[in-house]
Amino acid sequence: MITQPIVVGVDGSPESVAAASAAWMVAELAGVPCRLVHAANDVSAALEFAGTGMLSETMQLAALRQARATVSASLWDVLPGPVVEAMVVSTGTTAEVLEAVIRETDASLLVLGGKHHSSLGRWLGGSTVQQVVRRVTAPLLVTAGELRRRPRIMVAVDQSYAAIPAVEQAVAFARILGCPLHALHVVDPPPEMAELPPNWSRDIVERDIWPQIPLVEQGKVIREGAPFTTIVDEVSVWRADVVVVGSHGKGWVDRLLIGSVTEDLLNNLPCAVLVVPVRKPERAAAPTQQAVAATG
């Protein structure tokens, strides 16, 4: 599944250094290039607005050189010199710059360093991760500190169309890293008005999703409870380093009214989170393809 370059956003922070280290590790094991990307501030626009009369192009080039030097200094001890020297530094928002590089390289994976964000912080300005996850089409790995070389990977699945793609990505990721894989489905009792049998999601997952995962039965577990808290509890009990979820691409109204498991995981980061974006099928898929990854 990882056959094209891995792109990692860096800004000189400890979180981005950890993300760069994880991206390089995965790229080495997968045998693909690792591309560092930094989004710099547009100094020329600020100077023009301020009406300083300064040579904006000269100032912008100086700002880009300074940004490259500052970010590079944080990475020399973590990555090979040629990888750091090839870093892409461009002006624009982080989401815009990353999206452009992902399109240009046809990247298999985007890696970012995660930070915790309050609901108020997200409402006022949002976070880089939240902005990026809504725009990019490549799988997104958000790290939560250093990622060990053989991380324990858990895939959380529900009964949606995002299940199979999330499972496939989790299996491929585990094979590349040569690490353990664990699968979880959370039975979230449906509201009474839904008129669904209590075990409707369990039946779908056991019939259509579990056979797609090359694990012994002990590696596939079903729990009951609220999806987010149950996933976090399982991460703790199984000592997962990465949790893989599918993103359904719900609209902002859905997120505002009922929230999203994926969004909650990205905000709280109980461990690293790998988000697999999945487009909604244009027409109803066969039952075996209507499964999937707990998320939002």
C-alpha atoms as a PDB file:
ATOM      1  CA  MET A   1       0.000   0.000   0.000  1.00  0.00           C
ATOM      2  CA  ILE A   2       2.994   2.330   0.535  1.00  0.00           C
ATOM      3  CA  THR A   3       4.617   2.452  -2.899  1.00  0.00           C
ATOM      4  CA  GLN A   4       4.999   6.213  -3.405  1.00  0.00           C
ATOM      5  CA  PRO A   5       6.861   8.889  -1.389  1.00  0.00           C
ATOM      6  CA  ILE A   6       5.979   9.648   2.210  1.00  0.00           C
ATOM      7  CA  VAL A   7       5.435  13.355   2.909  1.00  0.00           C
ATOM      8  CA  VAL A   8       5.975  14.807   6.384  1.00  0.00           C
ATOM      9  CA  GLY A   9       5.130  18.311   7.545  1.00  0.00           C
ATOM     10  CA  VAL A  10       7.829  19.918   9.710  1.00  0.00           C
ATOM     11  CA  ASP A  11       8.004  23.212  11.600  1.00  0.00           C
ATOM     12  CA  GLY A  12      10.931  22.813  13.992  1.00  0.00           C
ATOM     13  CA  SER A  13       8.778  21.765  16.960  1.00  0.00           C
ATOM     14  CA  PRO A  14       9.531  18.604  18.991  1.00  0.00           C
ATOM     15  CA  GLU A  15       6.270  17.117  17.658  1.00  0.00           C
ATOM     16  CA  SER A  16       7.334  17.600  14.040  1.00  0.00           C
ATOM     17  CA  VAL A  17      10.785  16.151  14.746  1.00  0.00           C
ATOM     18  CA  ALA A  18       9.120  13.009  16.132  1.00  0.00           C
ATOM     19  CA  ALA A  19       6.878  12.885  13.044  1.00  0.00           C
ATOM     20  CA  ALA A  20       9.894  13.220  10.733  1.00  0.00           C
ATOM     21  CA  SER A  21      11.669  10.398  12.558  1.00  0.00           C
ATOM     22  CA  ALA A  22       8.603   8.146  12.201  1.00  0.00           C
ATOM     23  CA  ALA A  23       8.175   9.049   8.523  1.00  0.00           C
ATOM     24  CA  TRP A  24      11.823   8.252   7.766  1.00  0.00           C
ATOM     25  CA  MET A  25      11.571   4.909   9.582  1.00  0.00           C
ATOM     26  CA  VAL A  26       8.499   3.865   7.573  1.00  0.00           C
ATOM     27  CA  ALA A  27       9.988   5.158   4.305  1.00  0.00           C
ATOM     28  CA  GLU A  28      13.169   3.129   4.859  1.00  0.00           C
ATOM     29  CA  LEU A  29      11.234  -0.059   5.570  1.00  0.00           C
ATOM     30  CA  ALA A  30       8.906   0.503   2.597  1.00  0.00           C
ATOM     31  CA  GLY A  31      11.765   1.451   0.273  1.00  0.00           C
ATOM     32  CA  VAL A  32      10.260   4.795  -0.769  1.00  0.00           C
ATOM     33  CA  PRO A  33      11.513   8.420  -0.606  1.00  0.00           C
ATOM     34  CA  CYS A  34      10.743  10.654   2.382  1.00  0.00           C
ATOM     35  CA  ARG A  35       9.910  14.288   1.538  1.00  0.00           C
ATOM     36  CA  LEU A  36      10.084  16.982   4.200  1.00  0.00           C
ATOM     37  CA  VAL A  37       7.766  19.963   3.731  1.00  0.00           C
ATOM     38  CA  HIS A  38       7.641  23.282   5.584  1.00  0.00           C
ATOM     39  CA  ALA A  39       5.005  25.970   5.029  1.00  0.00           C
ATOM     40  CA  ALA A  40       6.496  29.431   5.614  1.00  0.00           C
ATOM     41  CA  ASN A  41       4.729  32.722   6.270  1.00  0.00           C
ATOM     42  CA  ASP A  42       4.118  35.011   3.304  1.00  0.00           C
ATOM     43  CA  VAL A  43       6.199  38.026   4.334  1.00  0.00           C
ATOM     44  CA  SER A  44       5.568  39.935   1.106  1.00  0.00           C
ATOM     45  CA  ALA A  45       1.822  40.101   1.758  1.00  0.00           C
ATOM     46  CA  ALA A  46       2.404  41.472   5.258  1.00  0.00           C
ATOM     47  CA  LEU A  47       4.855  44.098   3.999  1.00  0.00           C
ATOM     48  CA  GLU A  48       2.482  45.175   1.243  1.00  0.00           C
ATOM     49  CA  PHE A  49      -0.355  45.509   3.744  1.00  0.00           C
ATOM     50  CA  ALA A  50       1.837  47.548   6.086  1.00  0.00           C
ATOM     51  CA  GLY A  51       2.938  49.820   3.249  1.00  0.00           C
ATOM     52  CA  THR A  52       6.575  49.794   4.366  1.00  0.00           C
ATOM     53  CA  GLY A  53       7.969  50.351   0.874  1.00  0.00           C
ATOM     54  CA  MET A  54      10.565  47.631   1.502  1.00  0.00           C
ATOM     55  CA  LEU A  55      11.575  45.262  -1.278  1.00  0.00           C
ATOM     56  CA  SER A  56       9.102  42.483  -0.550  1.00  0.00           C
ATOM     57  CA  GLU A  57      10.744  39.909  -2.843  1.00  0.00           C
ATOM     58  CA  THR A  58      14.115  40.344  -1.147  1.00  0.00           C
ATOM     59  CA  MET A  59      12.535  40.112   2.295  1.00  0.00           C
ATOM     60  CA  GLN A  60      10.546  37.021   1.308  1.00  0.00           C
ATOM     61  CA  LEU A  61      13.646  35.202   0.065  1.00  0.00           C
ATOM     62  CA  ALA A  62      15.466  36.097   3.271  1.00  0.00           C
ATOM     63  CA  ALA A  63      12.534  34.811   5.330  1.00  0.00           C
ATOM     64  CA  LEU A  64      12.480  31.530   3.389  1.00  0.00           C
ATOM     65  CA  ARG A  65      16.226  31.045   3.931  1.00  0.00           C
ATOM     66  CA  GLN A  66      15.818  31.711   7.641  1.00  0.00           C
ATOM     67  CA  ALA A  67      12.871  29.302   7.867  1.00  0.00           C
ATOM     68  CA  ARG A  68      14.858  26.582   6.095  1.00  0.00           C
ATOM     69  CA  ALA A  69      17.848  27.074   8.399  1.00  0.00           C
ATOM     70  CA  THR A  70      15.728  27.039  11.565  1.00  0.00           C
ATOM     71  CA  VAL A  71      13.727  23.930  10.676  1.00  0.00           C
ATOM     72  CA  SER A  72      16.776  22.107   9.295  1.00  0.00           C
ATOM     73  CA  ALA A  73      18.666  22.691  12.554  1.00  0.00           C
ATOM     74  CA  SER A  74      16.045  20.649  14.416  1.00  0.00           C
ATOM     75  CA  LEU A  75      16.422  17.693  12.039  1.00  0.00           C
ATOM     76  CA  TRP A  76      20.149  17.198  11.427  1.00  0.00           C
ATOM     77  CA  ASP A  77      20.509  14.767  14.331  1.00  0.00           C
ATOM     78  CA  VAL A  78      17.435  12.749  13.325  1.00  0.00           C
ATOM     79  CA  LEU A  79      17.546  12.340   9.541  1.00  0.00           C
ATOM     80  CA  PRO A  80      20.206  11.822   6.852  1.00  0.00           C
ATOM     81  CA  GLY A  81      21.683  15.053   5.504  1.00  0.00           C
ATOM     82  CA  PRO A  82      20.414  14.625   1.914  1.00  0.00           C
ATOM     83  CA  VAL A  83      16.827  14.223   3.160  1.00  0.00           C
ATOM     84  CA  VAL A  84      17.058  17.439   5.189  1.00  0.00           C
ATOM     85  CA  GLU A  85      18.726  19.344   2.350  1.00  0.00           C
ATOM     86  CA  ALA A  86      15.946  18.328  -0.063  1.00  0.00           C
ATOM     87  CA  MET A  87      13.241  19.817   2.197  1.00  0.00           C
ATOM     88  CA  VAL A  88      10.534  21.733   0.343  1.00  0.00           C
ATOM     89  CA  VAL A  89       9.976  25.218   1.794  1.00  0.00           C
ATOM     90  CA  SER A  90       7.080  27.157   0.324  1.00  0.00           C
ATOM     91  CA  THR A  91       4.761  29.991   1.309  1.00  0.00           C
ATOM     92  CA  GLY A  92       1.096  29.372   2.037  1.00  0.00           C
ATOM     93  CA  THR A  93      -1.039  27.718   4.663  1.00  0.00           C
ATOM     94  CA  THR A  94       0.182  24.357   5.904  1.00  0.00           C
ATOM     95  CA  ALA A  95      -2.820  22.564   4.414  1.00  0.00           C
ATOM     96  CA  GLU A  96      -2.344  24.225   1.007  1.00  0.00           C
ATOM     97  CA  VAL A  97       1.392  23.535   0.806  1.00  0.00           C
ATOM     98  CA  LEU A  98       1.050  19.907   1.926  1.00  0.00           C
ATOM     99  CA  GLU A  99      -1.839  19.303  -0.462  1.00  0.00           C
ATOM    100  CA  ALA A 100       0.240  20.619  -3.379  1.00  0.00           C
ATOM    101  CA  VAL A 101       3.232  18.382  -2.567  1.00  0.00           C
ATOM    102  CA  ILE A 102       0.986  15.345  -2.087  1.00  0.00           C
ATOM    103  CA  ARG A 103      -0.535  15.917  -5.539  1.00  0.00           C
ATOM    104  CA  GLU A 104       2.881  16.450  -7.112  1.00  0.00           C
ATOM    105  CA  THR A 105       4.424  13.301  -5.600  1.00  0.00           C
ATOM    106  CA  ASP A 106       1.291  11.122  -5.534  1.00  0.00           C
ATOM    107  CA  ALA A 107       2.235  10.447  -1.910  1.00  0.00           C
ATOM    108  CA  SER A 108       1.196   7.194  -0.245  1.00  0.00           C
ATOM    109  CA  LEU A 109       1.217   8.686   3.249  1.00  0.00           C
ATOM    110  CA  LEU A 110       1.288  12.053   5.014  1.00  0.00           C
ATOM    111  CA  VAL A 111       2.808  12.275   8.501  1.00  0.00           C
ATOM    112  CA  LEU A 112       2.255  15.092  11.010  1.00  0.00           C
ATOM    113  CA  GLY A 113       3.185  15.586  14.643  1.00  0.00           C
ATOM    114  CA  GLY A 114       0.077  15.725  16.806  1.00  0.00           C
ATOM    115  CA  LYS A 115      -0.779  18.150  19.583  1.00  0.00           C
ATOM    116  CA  HIS A 116      -3.691  18.193  22.012  1.00  0.00           C
ATOM    117  CA  HIS A 117      -6.412  20.783  21.323  1.00  0.00           C
ATOM    118  CA  SER A 118      -9.367  21.955  23.366  1.00  0.00           C
ATOM    119  CA  SER A 119     -12.839  22.318  21.859  1.00  0.00           C
ATOM    120  CA  LEU A 120     -12.555  26.108  22.218  1.00  0.00           C
ATOM    121  CA  GLY A 121      -9.222  26.147  20.422  1.00  0.00           C
ATOM    122  CA  ARG A 122     -10.655  24.135  17.527  1.00  0.00           C
ATOM    123  CA  TRP A 123     -13.698  26.421  17.295  1.00  0.00           C
ATOM    124  CA  LEU A 124     -11.660  29.639  17.289  1.00  0.00           C
ATOM    125  CA  GLY A 125      -8.895  28.671  14.923  1.00  0.00           C
ATOM    126  CA  GLY A 126      -8.666  24.957  14.445  1.00  0.00           C
ATOM    127  CA  SER A 127      -5.454  22.949  14.366  1.00  0.00           C
ATOM    128  CA  THR A 128      -3.150  22.090  11.502  1.00  0.00           C
ATOM    129  CA  VAL A 129      -4.109  18.416  11.740  1.00  0.00           C
ATOM    130  CA  GLN A 130      -7.849  19.172  11.682  1.00  0.00           C
ATOM    131  CA  GLN A 131      -7.439  21.482   8.679  1.00  0.00           C
ATOM    132  CA  VAL A 132      -5.303  18.972   6.796  1.00  0.00           C
ATOM    133  CA  VAL A 133      -7.479  15.917   7.476  1.00  0.00           C
ATOM    134  CA  ARG A 134     -10.404  17.685   5.795  1.00  0.00           C
ATOM    135  CA  ARG A 135      -8.432  18.420   2.617  1.00  0.00           C
ATOM    136  CA  VAL A 136      -5.917  15.727   1.743  1.00  0.00           C
ATOM    137  CA  THR A 137      -6.763  12.453   0.044  1.00  0.00           C
ATOM    138  CA  ALA A 138      -3.713  10.495   1.237  1.00  0.00           C
ATOM    139  CA  PRO A 139      -3.758   8.444   4.454  1.00  0.00           C
ATOM    140  CA  LEU A 140      -2.651  10.621   7.382  1.00  0.00           C
ATOM    141  CA  LEU A 141      -0.486   9.383  10.266  1.00  0.00           C
ATOM    142  CA  VAL A 142      -0.559  11.711  13.270  1.00  0.00           C
ATOM    143  CA  THR A 143       2.173  10.820  15.739  1.00  0.00           C
ATOM    144  CA  ALA A 144       1.967  11.182  19.512  1.00  0.00           C
ATOM    145  CA  GLY A 145       5.660  11.419  20.352  1.00  0.00           C
ATOM    146  CA  GLU A 146       8.344   8.978  19.249  1.00  0.00           C
ATOM    147  CA  LEU A 147       7.134   5.903  17.361  1.00  0.00           C
ATOM    148  CA  ARG A 148       9.077   2.750  18.180  1.00  0.00           C
ATOM    149  CA  ARG A 149      10.455   0.595  15.390  1.00  0.00           C
ATOM    150  CA  ARG A 150       7.984  -2.262  15.893  1.00  0.00           C
ATOM    151  CA  PRO A 151       4.813  -0.481  17.017  1.00  0.00           C
ATOM    152  CA  ARG A 152       1.702  -2.357  18.095  1.00  0.00           C
ATOM    153  CA  ILE A 153      -1.076  -1.531  15.610  1.00  0.00           C
ATOM    154  CA  MET A 154      -4.801  -1.670  16.326  1.00  0.00           C
ATOM    155  CA  VAL A 155      -7.499  -1.157  13.703  1.00  0.00           C
ATOM    156  CA  ALA A 156     -10.905   0.002  14.931  1.00  0.00           C
ATOM    157  CA  VAL A 157     -13.754  -1.089  12.675  1.00  0.00           C
ATOM    158  CA  ASP A 158     -17.462  -0.393  12.506  1.00  0.00           C
ATOM    159  CA  GLN A 159     -20.045  -1.447   9.939  1.00  0.00           C
ATOM    160  CA  SER A 160     -19.624   1.362   7.386  1.00  0.00           C
ATOM    161  CA  TYR A 161     -18.198   1.385   3.867  1.00  0.00           C
ATOM    162  CA  ALA A 162     -14.887   2.668   5.300  1.00  0.00           C
ATOM    163  CA  ALA A 163     -14.116  -0.672   6.961  1.00  0.00           C
ATOM    164  CA  ILE A 164     -12.426  -2.627   4.213  1.00  0.00           C
ATOM    165  CA  PRO A 165     -10.063   0.211   3.121  1.00  0.00           C
ATOM    166  CA  ALA A 166      -9.081   0.815   6.757  1.00  0.00           C
ATOM    167  CA  VAL A 167      -8.440  -2.889   7.339  1.00  0.00           C
ATOM    168  CA  GLU A 168      -6.362  -3.148   4.156  1.00  0.00           C
ATOM    169  CA  GLN A 169      -4.256  -0.145   5.180  1.00  0.00           C
ATOM    170  CA  ALA A 170      -3.743  -1.520   8.698  1.00  0.00           C
ATOM    171  CA  VAL A 171      -2.679  -4.950   7.405  1.00  0.00           C
ATOM    172  CA  ALA A 172      -0.257  -3.396   4.896  1.00  0.00           C
ATOM    173  CA  PHE A 173       1.195  -1.069   7.538  1.00  0.00           C
ATOM    174  CA  ALA A 174       1.704  -3.937   9.987  1.00  0.00           C
ATOM    175  CA  ARG A 175       3.428  -6.048   7.323  1.00  0.00           C
ATOM    176  CA  ILE A 176       5.814  -3.251   6.345  1.00  0.00           C
ATOM    177  CA  LEU A 177       6.793  -2.624   9.955  1.00  0.00           C
ATOM    178  CA  GLY A 178       6.744  -6.316  10.901  1.00  0.00           C
ATOM    179  CA  CYS A 179       4.617  -5.653  13.955  1.00  0.00           C
ATOM    180  CA  PRO A 180       1.586  -7.069  15.816  1.00  0.00           C
ATOM    181  CA  LEU A 181      -1.951  -6.253  14.647  1.00  0.00           C
ATOM    182  CA  HIS A 182      -5.123  -6.181  16.734  1.00  0.00           C
ATOM    183  CA  ALA A 183      -8.707  -5.554  15.549  1.00  0.00           C
ATOM    184  CA  LEU A 184     -11.545  -3.983  17.526  1.00  0.00           C
ATOM    185  CA  HIS A 185     -15.232  -3.468  16.828  1.00  0.00           C
ATOM    186  CA  VAL A 186     -17.346  -1.436  19.228  1.00  0.00           C
ATOM    187  CA  VAL A 187     -21.034  -2.246  19.488  1.00  0.00           C
ATOM    188  CA  ASP A 188     -22.702   1.101  20.034  1.00  0.00           C
ATOM    189  CA  PRO A 189     -26.336   0.370  20.990  1.00  0.00           C
ATOM    190  CA  PRO A 190     -28.644   2.022  18.414  1.00  0.00           C
ATOM    191  CA  PRO A 191     -31.316   4.478  19.591  1.00  0.00           C
ATOM    192  CA  GLU A 192     -34.735   2.930  20.099  1.00  0.00           C
ATOM    193  CA  MET A 193     -36.201   4.886  17.196  1.00  0.00           C
ATOM    194  CA  ALA A 194     -33.783   3.133  14.822  1.00  0.00           C
ATOM    195  CA  GLU A 195     -35.661  -0.152  15.297  1.00  0.00           C
ATOM    196  CA  LEU A 196     -32.512  -2.211  14.765  1.00  0.00           C
ATOM    197  CA  PRO A 197     -31.681  -5.504  16.500  1.00  0.00           C
ATOM    198  CA  PRO A 198     -29.152  -5.074  19.367  1.00  0.00           C
ATOM    199  CA  ASN A 199     -26.389  -7.040  17.618  1.00  0.00           C
ATOM    200  CA  TRP A 200     -26.894  -5.729  14.087  1.00  0.00           C
ATOM    201  CA  SER A 201     -23.366  -4.284  13.764  1.00  0.00           C
ATOM    202  CA  ARG A 202     -21.757  -7.320  15.433  1.00  0.00           C
ATOM    203  CA  ASP A 203     -23.384  -9.635  12.883  1.00  0.00           C
ATOM    204  CA  ILE A 204     -22.162  -7.548   9.923  1.00  0.00           C
ATOM    205  CA  VAL A 205     -18.599  -7.304  11.232  1.00  0.00           C
ATOM    206  CA  GLU A 206     -18.300 -11.008  12.085  1.00  0.00           C
ATOM    207  CA  ARG A 207     -19.699 -12.002   8.697  1.00  0.00           C
ATOM    208  CA  ASP A 208     -18.058  -9.467   6.375  1.00  0.00           C
ATOM    209  CA  ILE A 209     -15.067  -7.831   8.080  1.00  0.00           C
ATOM    210  CA  TRP A 210     -13.342 -10.369  10.310  1.00  0.00           C
ATOM    211  CA  PRO A 211     -12.638 -12.760   7.383  1.00  0.00           C
ATOM    212  CA  GLN A 212     -10.664  -9.945   5.706  1.00  0.00           C
ATOM    213  CA  ILE A 213      -8.180  -9.726   8.591  1.00  0.00           C
ATOM    214  CA  PRO A 214      -5.371 -12.345   8.721  1.00  0.00           C
ATOM    215  CA  LEU A 215      -5.527 -12.779  12.493  1.00  0.00           C
ATOM    216  CA  VAL A 216      -6.422 -15.623  14.797  1.00  0.00           C
ATOM    217  CA  GLU A 217      -9.785 -15.127  16.461  1.00  0.00           C
ATOM    218  CA  GLN A 218      -8.141 -13.968  19.706  1.00  0.00           C
ATOM    219  CA  GLY A 219      -6.804 -10.952  17.801  1.00  0.00           C
ATOM    220  CA  LYS A 220     -10.305  -9.783  16.844  1.00  0.00           C
ATOM    221  CA  VAL A 221     -12.362  -8.454  19.722  1.00  0.00           C
ATOM    222  CA  ILE A 222     -15.825  -6.956  20.103  1.00  0.00           C
ATOM    223  CA  ARG A 223     -16.662  -4.604  22.977  1.00  0.00           C
ATOM    224  CA  GLU A 224     -19.828  -2.770  23.937  1.00  0.00           C
ATOM    225  CA  GLY A 225     -19.948   0.910  24.814  1.00  0.00           C
ATOM    226  CA  ALA A 226     -19.397   4.421  23.473  1.00  0.00           C
ATOM    227  CA  PRO A 227     -16.981   4.138  20.505  1.00  0.00           C
ATOM    228  CA  PHE A 228     -14.421   6.774  21.523  1.00  0.00           C
ATOM    229  CA  THR A 229     -14.014   5.794  25.183  1.00  0.00           C
ATOM    230  CA  THR A 230     -14.060   2.089  24.337  1.00  0.00           C
ATOM    231  CA  ILE A 231     -11.325   2.545  21.720  1.00  0.00           C
ATOM    232  CA  VAL A 232      -9.212   4.539  24.188  1.00  0.00           C
ATOM    233  CA  ASP A 233      -9.675   1.829  26.833  1.00  0.00           C
ATOM    234  CA  GLU A 234      -8.633  -0.882  24.365  1.00  0.00           C
ATOM    235  CA  VAL A 235      -5.576   1.157  23.331  1.00  0.00           C
ATOM    236  CA  SER A 236      -4.533   1.208  26.982  1.00  0.00           C
ATOM    237  CA  VAL A 237      -5.264  -2.465  27.697  1.00  0.00           C
ATOM    238  CA  TRP A 238      -3.584  -3.783  24.531  1.00  0.00           C
ATOM    239  CA  ARG A 239      -0.791  -1.147  24.736  1.00  0.00           C
ATOM    240  CA  ALA A 240      -1.342  -0.009  21.143  1.00  0.00           C
ATOM    241  CA  ASP A 241       1.129   2.440  19.604  1.00  0.00           C
ATOM    242  CA  VAL A 242      -1.010   3.199  16.531  1.00  0.00           C
ATOM    243  CA  VAL A 243      -4.772   3.047  16.040  1.00  0.00           C
ATOM    244  CA  VAL A 244      -6.061   2.893  12.455  1.00  0.00           C
ATOM    245  CA  VAL A 245      -9.476   4.344  11.619  1.00  0.00           C
ATOM    246  CA  GLY A 246     -11.387   5.093   8.447  1.00  0.00           C
ATOM    247  CA  SER A 247     -12.704   8.582   7.791  1.00  0.00           C
ATOM    248  CA  HIS A 248     -16.236   8.712   6.413  1.00  0.00           C
ATOM    249  CA  GLY A 249     -15.907  12.341   5.352  1.00  0.00           C
ATOM    250  CA  LYS A 250     -18.965  13.585   7.240  1.00  0.00           C
ATOM    251  CA  GLY A 251     -19.968  17.185   6.665  1.00  0.00           C
ATOM    252  CA  TRP A 252     -19.310  19.926   9.199  1.00  0.00           C
ATOM    253  CA  VAL A 253     -22.927  19.874  10.336  1.00  0.00           C
ATOM    254  CA  ASP A 254     -22.594  16.209  11.361  1.00  0.00           C
ATOM    255  CA  ARG A 255     -19.391  16.961  13.267  1.00  0.00           C
ATOM    256  CA  LEU A 256     -20.940  19.969  14.984  1.00  0.00           C
ATOM    257  CA  LEU A 257     -24.055  18.115  16.094  1.00  0.00           C
ATOM    258  CA  ILE A 258     -22.862  14.614  16.918  1.00  0.00           C
ATOM    259  CA  GLY A 259     -19.085  14.762  16.836  1.00  0.00           C
ATOM    260  CA  SER A 260     -16.722  12.301  15.224  1.00  0.00           C
ATOM    261  CA  VAL A 261     -14.758   9.405  16.675  1.00  0.00           C
ATOM    262  CA  THR A 262     -11.859  10.200  14.355  1.00  0.00           C
ATOM    263  CA  GLU A 263     -11.856  13.840  15.380  1.00  0.00           C
ATOM    264  CA  ASP A 264     -11.956  12.915  19.071  1.00  0.00           C
ATOM    265  CA  LEU A 265      -8.997  10.577  18.610  1.00  0.00           C
ATOM    266  CA  LEU A 266      -7.001  13.260  16.786  1.00  0.00           C
ATOM    267  CA  ASN A 267      -7.720  15.806  19.506  1.00  0.00           C
ATOM    268  CA  ASN A 268      -6.872  13.515  22.417  1.00  0.00           C
ATOM    269  CA  LEU A 269      -4.202  11.279  20.821  1.00  0.00           C
ATOM    270  CA  PRO A 270      -4.203   8.262  23.148  1.00  0.00           C
ATOM    271  CA  CYS A 271      -1.500   7.032  20.745  1.00  0.00           C
ATOM    272  CA  ALA A 272      -0.536   7.707  17.128  1.00  0.00           C
ATOM    273  CA  VAL A 273      -3.572   7.751  14.812  1.00  0.00           C
ATOM    274  CA  LEU A 274      -3.598   6.629  11.170  1.00  0.00           C
ATOM    275  CA  VAL A 275      -6.613   8.074   9.341  1.00  0.00           C
ATOM    276  CA  VAL A 276      -7.609   6.388   6.086  1.00  0.00           C
ATOM    277  CA  PRO A 277      -9.801   8.678   3.944  1.00  0.00           C
ATOM    278  CA  VAL A 278     -12.600   6.821   2.177  1.00  0.00           C
ATOM    279  CA  ARG A 279     -14.967   8.317  -0.358  1.00  0.00           C
ATOM    280  CA  LYS A 280     -18.634   7.551   0.005  1.00  0.00           C
ATOM    281  CA  PRO A 281     -19.690   5.044  -2.673  1.00  0.00           C
ATOM    282  CA  GLU A 282     -21.786   6.534  -5.452  1.00  0.00           C
ATOM    283  CA  ARG A 283     -24.203   3.659  -5.113  1.00  0.00           C
ATOM    284  CA  ALA A 284     -24.886   0.997  -2.532  1.00  0.00           C
ATOM    285  CA  ALA A 285     -22.068  -1.516  -2.330  1.00  0.00           C
ATOM    286  CA  ALA A 286     -22.318  -5.222  -1.769  1.00  0.00           C
ATOM    287  CA  PRO A 287     -22.737  -6.239   1.891  1.00  0.00           C
ATOM    288  CA  THR A 288     -19.133  -7.434   2.113  1.00  0.00           C
ATOM    289  CA  GLN A 289     -17.973  -3.910   1.280  1.00  0.00           C
ATOM    290  CA  GLN A 290     -20.226  -2.062   3.680  1.00  0.00           C
ATOM    291  CA  ALA A 291     -18.080  -2.547   6.714  1.00  0.00           C
ATOM    292  CA  VAL A 292     -15.628  -0.725   8.780  1.00  0.00           C
ATOM    293  CA  ALA A 293     -13.360   1.490  10.632  1.00  0.00           C
ATOM    294  CA  ALA A 294     -14.601   3.295  13.689  1.00  0.00           C
ATOM    295  CA  THR A 295     -14.632   6.870  12.838  1.00  0.00           C
ATOM    296  CA  GLY A 296     -15.870   9.980  11.701  1.00  0.00           C
END
